[in-house]
Amino acid sequence: MDLNGNGTIEISYIKQRFNAKKHPDVLLGKKSEDDVLCEFLDTFEDHYATQHPGSKDRKITLPEWLEYYNNVSCGIDSDDYFEAILVNAYGFDKP
């Protein structure tokens, strides 16, 4: 997802790909898709910053990405289900 090879995932790219339409709070009208996206983006940096103070910069680096999804995957019993989460969240084509 690092399209320009600079070591970060551009927020604009995630915004284009991330699909929050089926998020429960969006479906209930409690939050907008942009609200959910912003909260989602904050989770990358918030978690990473607990171990790496001063790292918040509104950019998502590969270590932040990997640490976030490593933690997400710990609570998922099946690789197939984890793959489905990524495919559905980002609109990736299933391999």
Protein backbone atom coordinates (compact mmCIF):
# COMPACT_ATOMS: atom_id res chain seq x y z
CA MET A 1 0.00 0.00 0.00
CA ASP A 2 3.08 2.24 0.03
CA LEU A 3 2.43 3.45 -3.50
CA ASN A 4 5.26 5.95 -3.78
CA GLY A 5 7.86 3.90 -1.89
CA ASN A 6 8.54 6.54 0.77
CA GLY A 7 7.99 4.21 3.73
CA THR A 8 4.55 5.49 4.65
CA ILE A 9 1.02 4.67 3.67
CA GLU A 10 -0.59 7.87 2.53
CA ILE A 11 -3.78 8.68 4.40
CA SER A 12 -5.33 9.82 1.14
CA TYR A 13 -4.83 6.32 -0.26
CA ILE A 14 -6.40 4.66 2.76
CA LYS A 15 -9.28 7.13 2.54
CA GLN A 16 -9.86 6.07 -1.08
CA ARG A 17 -9.75 2.35 -0.23
CA PHE A 18 -11.17 2.02 3.29
CA ASN A 19 -14.85 1.18 3.27
CA ALA A 20 -16.77 2.20 6.39
CA LYS A 21 -20.24 1.88 4.85
CA LYS A 22 -21.02 -1.29 6.82
CA HIS A 23 -19.61 -0.11 10.14
CA PRO A 24 -22.36 -0.52 12.77
CA ASP A 25 -22.24 3.14 13.83
CA VAL A 26 -22.52 4.30 10.21
CA LEU A 27 -25.46 1.99 9.60
CA LEU A 28 -27.18 3.35 12.72
CA GLY A 29 -26.49 6.96 11.69
CA LYS A 30 -24.40 7.62 14.81
CA LYS A 31 -21.22 8.42 12.86
CA SER A 32 -20.26 9.38 9.35
CA GLU A 33 -17.90 7.31 7.24
CA ASP A 34 -15.29 10.05 7.71
CA ASP A 35 -15.70 9.86 11.50
CA VAL A 36 -15.07 6.11 11.41
CA LEU A 37 -12.10 6.57 9.10
CA CYS A 38 -10.50 9.17 11.38
CA GLU A 39 -10.97 6.97 14.43
CA PHE A 40 -9.52 4.03 12.52
CA LEU A 41 -6.46 6.03 11.46
CA ASP A 42 -5.93 7.23 15.02
CA THR A 43 -5.79 3.64 16.28
CA PHE A 44 -2.61 2.98 14.29
CA GLU A 45 -0.71 5.82 15.87
CA ASP A 46 -2.30 5.64 19.33
CA HIS A 47 -1.32 2.02 19.84
CA TYR A 48 2.14 2.41 18.35
CA ALA A 49 2.79 5.55 20.41
CA THR A 50 2.29 3.64 23.67
CA GLN A 51 5.57 1.84 22.93
CA HIS A 52 7.18 4.62 20.88
CA PRO A 53 6.46 8.01 22.48
CA GLY A 54 6.71 10.95 20.14
CA SER A 55 5.93 8.88 17.06
CA LYS A 56 2.58 10.51 16.23
CA ASP A 57 2.92 12.32 12.92
CA ARG A 58 -0.35 11.65 11.02
CA LYS A 59 1.52 9.22 8.79
CA ILE A 60 1.12 5.47 8.89
CA THR A 61 4.45 3.70 8.68
CA LEU A 62 4.98 0.02 7.97
CA PRO A 63 5.83 -0.70 11.64
CA GLU A 64 2.58 1.01 12.74
CA TRP A 65 0.61 -0.95 10.14
CA LEU A 66 2.18 -4.27 11.08
CA GLU A 67 1.80 -3.75 14.82
CA TYR A 68 -1.87 -2.80 14.44
CA TYR A 69 -2.75 -5.81 12.30
CA ASN A 70 -0.61 -8.13 14.39
CA ASN A 71 -2.76 -7.14 17.37
CA VAL A 72 -5.97 -7.50 15.38
CA SER A 73 -4.97 -10.94 14.17
CA CYS A 74 -4.40 -12.18 17.73
CA GLY A 75 -8.14 -12.14 18.32
CA ILE A 76 -9.05 -13.95 15.11
CA ASP A 77 -9.07 -17.74 14.99
CA SER A 78 -8.85 -18.22 11.25
CA ASP A 79 -6.46 -16.90 8.61
CA ASP A 80 -9.34 -17.02 6.12
CA TYR A 81 -11.46 -14.77 8.32
CA PHE A 82 -8.56 -12.37 8.83
CA GLU A 83 -8.08 -12.23 5.06
CA ALA A 84 -11.80 -11.54 4.63
CA ILE A 85 -11.54 -8.62 7.06
CA LEU A 86 -8.77 -7.02 4.98
CA VAL A 87 -10.48 -7.75 1.67
CA ASN A 88 -13.74 -6.21 2.89
CA ALA A 89 -12.17 -3.21 4.63
CA TYR A 90 -9.95 -2.16 1.75
CA GLY A 91 -11.69 -3.58 -1.29
CA PHE A 92 -8.71 -5.74 -2.18
CA ASP A 93 -9.20 -8.47 -4.71
CA LYS A 94 -9.06 -11.83 -3.06
CA PRO A 95 -5.95 -13.71 -4.24
